[in-house]
C-alpha atoms as a PDB file:
ATOM      1  CA  MET A   1     -27.225   5.034  -9.151  1.00  0.00           C
ATOM      2  CA  ALA A   2     -25.075   6.657  -6.488  1.00  0.00           C
ATOM      3  CA  SER A   3     -22.240   4.622  -5.054  1.00  0.00           C
ATOM      4  CA  ARG A   4     -21.951   4.151  -1.335  1.00  0.00           C
ATOM      5  CA  ARG A   5     -18.596   4.112   0.341  1.00  0.00           C
ATOM      6  CA  THR A   6     -18.061   2.087   3.467  1.00  0.00           C
ATOM      7  CA  SER A   7     -14.962   1.611   5.557  1.00  0.00           C
ATOM      8  CA  ARG A   8     -14.290  -1.752   7.147  1.00  0.00           C
ATOM      9  CA  THR A   9     -11.603  -2.967   9.503  1.00  0.00           C
ATOM     10  CA  ALA A  10      -9.382  -5.447   7.716  1.00  0.00           C
ATOM     11  CA  PRO A  11      -9.533  -9.048   8.952  1.00  0.00           C
ATOM     12  CA  PRO A  12      -6.812 -10.384  11.276  1.00  0.00           C
ATOM     13  CA  GLY A  13      -3.548 -10.917   9.457  1.00  0.00           C
ATOM     14  CA  ALA A  14      -4.537  -8.703   6.525  1.00  0.00           C
ATOM     15  CA  ALA A  15      -2.011  -5.995   7.388  1.00  0.00           C
ATOM     16  CA  ALA A  16       0.840  -8.510   7.349  1.00  0.00           C
ATOM     17  CA  ARG A  17      -0.338  -9.956   4.024  1.00  0.00           C
ATOM     18  CA  LYS A  18      -0.660  -6.490   2.500  1.00  0.00           C
ATOM     19  CA  ALA A  19       2.822  -5.518   3.720  1.00  0.00           C
ATOM     20  CA  ALA A  20       4.243  -8.747   2.268  1.00  0.00           C
ATOM     21  CA  ALA A  21       2.554  -8.014  -1.073  1.00  0.00           C
ATOM     22  CA  VAL A  22       3.963  -4.473  -1.202  1.00  0.00           C
ATOM     23  CA  ASP A  23       7.432  -5.815  -0.314  1.00  0.00           C
ATOM     24  CA  ARG A  24       7.354  -7.930  -3.506  1.00  0.00           C
ATOM     25  CA  PHE A  25       7.684  -4.735  -5.572  1.00  0.00           C
ATOM     26  CA  VAL A  26      11.254  -3.934  -4.552  1.00  0.00           C
ATOM     27  CA  SER A  27      11.899  -1.763  -7.612  1.00  0.00           C
ATOM     28  CA  GLN A  28       9.015   0.498  -6.553  1.00  0.00           C
ATOM     29  CA  THR A  29       9.663   0.631  -2.806  1.00  0.00           C
ATOM     30  CA  ARG A  30      13.454   0.702  -2.398  1.00  0.00           C
ATOM     31  CA  PRO A  31      16.317   2.485  -4.162  1.00  0.00           C
ATOM     32  CA  LEU A  32      17.791   0.397  -6.970  1.00  0.00           C
ATOM     33  CA  CYS A  33      21.294   1.644  -6.139  1.00  0.00           C
ATOM     34  CA  ASP A  34      23.063   4.799  -4.983  1.00  0.00           C
ATOM     35  CA  GLY A  35      22.034   8.126  -6.471  1.00  0.00           C
ATOM     36  CA  ASP A  36      18.929  10.287  -6.370  1.00  0.00           C
ATOM     37  CA  GLU A  37      17.837   9.124  -9.809  1.00  0.00           C
ATOM     38  CA  ASN A  38      17.508   5.591  -8.413  1.00  0.00           C
ATOM     39  CA  ALA A  39      15.271   6.500  -5.466  1.00  0.00           C
ATOM     40  CA  ALA A  40      12.160   4.509  -4.655  1.00  0.00           C
ATOM     41  CA  ILE A  41       9.203   5.521  -6.807  1.00  0.00           C
ATOM     42  CA  LEU A  42       6.470   5.156  -4.197  1.00  0.00           C
ATOM     43  CA  PRO A  43       6.622   7.724  -1.385  1.00  0.00           C
ATOM     44  CA  PRO A  44       5.995   6.691   2.245  1.00  0.00           C
ATOM     45  CA  GLU A  45       2.438   8.101   2.237  1.00  0.00           C
ATOM     46  CA  GLU A  46       1.511   5.906  -0.743  1.00  0.00           C
ATOM     47  CA  LEU A  47       2.952   2.828   0.967  1.00  0.00           C
ATOM     48  CA  ALA A  48       0.984   3.706   4.108  1.00  0.00           C
ATOM     49  CA  HIS A  49      -2.202   3.865   2.031  1.00  0.00           C
ATOM     50  CA  HIS A  50      -1.689   0.282   0.829  1.00  0.00           C
ATOM     51  CA  THR A  51      -0.844  -1.125   4.261  1.00  0.00           C
ATOM     52  CA  ARG A  52      -3.489   0.595   6.386  1.00  0.00           C
ATOM     53  CA  ALA A  53      -5.618  -1.430   8.808  1.00  0.00           C
ATOM     54  CA  PHE A  54      -8.913  -0.788   7.025  1.00  0.00           C
ATOM     55  CA  GLU A  55     -10.418  -1.105   3.563  1.00  0.00           C
ATOM     56  CA  VAL A  56     -12.754   1.229   1.742  1.00  0.00           C
ATOM     57  CA  VAL A  57     -15.415  -0.480  -0.343  1.00  0.00           C
ATOM     58  CA  PHE A  58     -17.525   1.224  -3.013  1.00  0.00           C
ATOM     59  CA  ARG A  59     -20.863  -0.365  -3.852  1.00  0.00           C
END
């Protein structure tokens, strides 16, 4: 059975909830302290993926 991918606009307020969820993972999204070795693990493009205004659903 082939999966179908659909894209849907996220419901109102979803972007704020997703951003708040991502912000809970401070050790992944912000430097732990000074120094390159302590940089955030997730790059900006990955954070943008998780806070976009739409969802992709596979069925």
